[in-house]
C-alpha atoms as a PDB file:
ATOM      1  CA  MET A   1     193.543 -86.175-244.707  1.00  0.00           C
ATOM      2  CA  SER A   2     191.023 -83.974-246.725  1.00  0.00           C
ATOM      3  CA  VAL A   3     187.416 -83.691-246.741  1.00  0.00           C
ATOM      4  CA  ARG A   4     185.659 -81.902-249.929  1.00  0.00           C
ATOM      5  CA  ALA A   5     182.071 -81.095-249.415  1.00  0.00           C
ATOM      6  CA  LYS A   6     179.859 -78.964-252.037  1.00  0.00           C
ATOM      7  CA  PHE A   7     177.518 -76.469-250.342  1.00  0.00           C
ATOM      8  CA  ARG A   8     175.055 -74.009-251.437  1.00  0.00           C
ATOM      9  CA  LEU A   9     174.467 -70.550-250.640  1.00  0.00           C
ATOM     10  CA  ASP A  10     170.748 -70.324-249.321  1.00  0.00           C
ATOM     11  CA  THR A  11     170.935 -67.226-247.363  1.00  0.00           C
ATOM     12  CA  VAL A  12     172.532 -64.186-246.885  1.00  0.00           C
ATOM     13  CA  SER A  13     171.461 -61.852-243.958  1.00  0.00           C
ATOM     14  CA  THR A  14     172.465 -58.277-243.208  1.00  0.00           C
ATOM     15  CA  HIS A  15     172.886 -56.778-239.836  1.00  0.00           C
ATOM     16  CA  SER A  16     172.075 -52.940-238.891  1.00  0.00           C
ATOM     17  CA  TRP A  17     175.225 -53.158-236.410  1.00  0.00           C
ATOM     18  CA  HIS A  18     178.187 -53.342-238.820  1.00  0.00           C
ATOM     19  CA  ALA A  19     177.984 -51.977-242.312  1.00  0.00           C
ATOM     20  CA  ASN A  20     179.933 -54.875-243.899  1.00  0.00           C
ATOM     21  CA  ALA A  21     178.313 -57.899-241.769  1.00  0.00           C
ATOM     22  CA  ARG A  22     177.087 -60.830-244.000  1.00  0.00           C
ATOM     23  CA  THR A  23     175.540 -64.060-242.083  1.00  0.00           C
ATOM     24  CA  LEU A  24     176.218 -66.507-244.801  1.00  0.00           C
ATOM     25  CA  LYS A  25     174.214 -69.829-244.518  1.00  0.00           C
ATOM     26  CA  PHE A  26     174.883 -72.642-246.942  1.00  0.00           C
ATOM     27  CA  ALA A  27     172.920 -76.092-247.676  1.00  0.00           C
ATOM     28  CA  ALA A  28     174.404 -79.458-248.959  1.00  0.00           C
ATOM     29  CA  THR A  29     173.470 -79.246-252.345  1.00  0.00           C
ATOM     30  CA  TYR A  30     171.625 -82.327-254.314  1.00  0.00           C
ATOM     31  CA  ASP A  31     170.701 -81.780-257.786  1.00  0.00           C
ATOM     32  CA  THR A  32     169.526 -85.295-259.589  1.00  0.00           C
ATOM     33  CA  SER A  33     170.522 -83.770-262.561  1.00  0.00           C
ATOM     34  CA  ILE A  34     173.953 -83.351-262.205  1.00  0.00           C
ATOM     35  CA  PRO A  35     176.536 -86.349-261.637  1.00  0.00           C
ATOM     36  CA  GLU A  36     178.851 -84.626-259.205  1.00  0.00           C
ATOM     37  CA  ASP A  37     176.162 -83.871-256.850  1.00  0.00           C
ATOM     38  CA  GLN A  38     174.926 -87.630-256.871  1.00  0.00           C
ATOM     39  CA  ARG A  39     178.023 -88.637-255.398  1.00  0.00           C
ATOM     40  CA  PHE A  40     178.512 -86.150-253.392  1.00  0.00           C
ATOM     41  CA  GLN A  41     174.885 -86.931-251.864  1.00  0.00           C
ATOM     42  CA  GLU A  42     176.020 -90.279-251.131  1.00  0.00           C
ATOM     43  CA  ALA A  43     178.593 -88.992-248.517  1.00  0.00           C
ATOM     44  CA  THR A  44     177.025 -85.875-247.404  1.00  0.00           C
ATOM     45  CA  PRO A  45     173.241 -86.443-247.698  1.00  0.00           C
ATOM     46  CA  SER A  46     172.752 -83.279-245.479  1.00  0.00           C
ATOM     47  CA  GLY A  47     174.322 -80.844-243.976  1.00  0.00           C
ATOM     48  CA  THR A  48     174.368 -76.764-243.101  1.00  0.00           C
ATOM     49  CA  PHE A  49     177.310 -74.774-242.794  1.00  0.00           C
ATOM     50  CA  GLU A  50     177.176 -70.903-241.117  1.00  0.00           C
ATOM     51  CA  MET A  51     179.772 -68.318-240.944  1.00  0.00           C
ATOM     52  CA  LEU A  52     179.692 -64.179-239.935  1.00  0.00           C
ATOM     53  CA  CYS A  53     181.732 -62.399-242.276  1.00  0.00           C
ATOM     54  CA  THR A  54     182.439 -58.441-242.183  1.00  0.00           C
ATOM     55  CA  ASN A  55     185.100 -58.319-244.970  1.00  0.00           C
ATOM     56  CA  PRO A  56     183.969 -56.302-247.957  1.00  0.00           C
ATOM     57  CA  ALA A  57     186.162 -58.212-250.335  1.00  0.00           C
ATOM     58  CA  ALA A  58     185.366 -61.629-249.313  1.00  0.00           C
ATOM     59  CA  ASN A  59     181.433 -61.180-249.194  1.00  0.00           C
ATOM     60  CA  ALA A  60     181.502 -60.073-252.980  1.00  0.00           C
ATOM     61  CA  GLN A  61     182.826 -63.389-253.819  1.00  0.00           C
ATOM     62  CA  PHE A  62     179.850 -65.172-252.874  1.00  0.00           C
ATOM     63  CA  GLU A  63     176.437 -65.519-255.061  1.00  0.00           C
ATOM     64  CA  LEU A  64     173.048 -66.242-253.450  1.00  0.00           C
ATOM     65  CA  GLY A  65     172.088 -69.693-255.359  1.00  0.00           C
ATOM     66  CA  LYS A  66     175.552 -70.514-256.145  1.00  0.00           C
ATOM     67  CA  SER A  67     177.372 -73.786-255.211  1.00  0.00           C
ATOM     68  CA  TYR A  68     180.935 -73.638-253.402  1.00  0.00           C
ATOM     69  CA  TYR A  69     183.404 -76.189-252.461  1.00  0.00           C
ATOM     70  CA  PHE A  70     184.477 -76.829-248.702  1.00  0.00           C
ATOM     71  CA  ASP A  71     188.115 -78.353-248.380  1.00  0.00           C
ATOM     72  CA  ILE A  72     188.558 -79.317-244.776  1.00  0.00           C
ATOM     73  CA  THR A  73     191.787 -80.230-243.665  1.00  0.00           C
ATOM     74  CA  PRO A  74     193.312 -80.427-239.857  1.00  0.00           C
ATOM     75  CA  ALA A  75     194.533 -77.616-238.354  1.00  0.00           C
ATOM     76  CA  ASP A  76     197.702 -78.000-236.668  1.00  0.00           C
END
């Protein structure tokens, strides 16, 4: 089983205790002009995801305001 969610990166925070540390805060996305967002809104009307990342290469792949898919699968 897997679930796909669509979230927008709303906030990026830096930290003084680690030069590469970024807290990335995502929120469930919904744009009434995008049919895909309308479908996601029916299944996931709201939600948040937050992570702390210290990997510069990973942090460079995230852009504030851009939407991302989160694929959720069981970890055995």
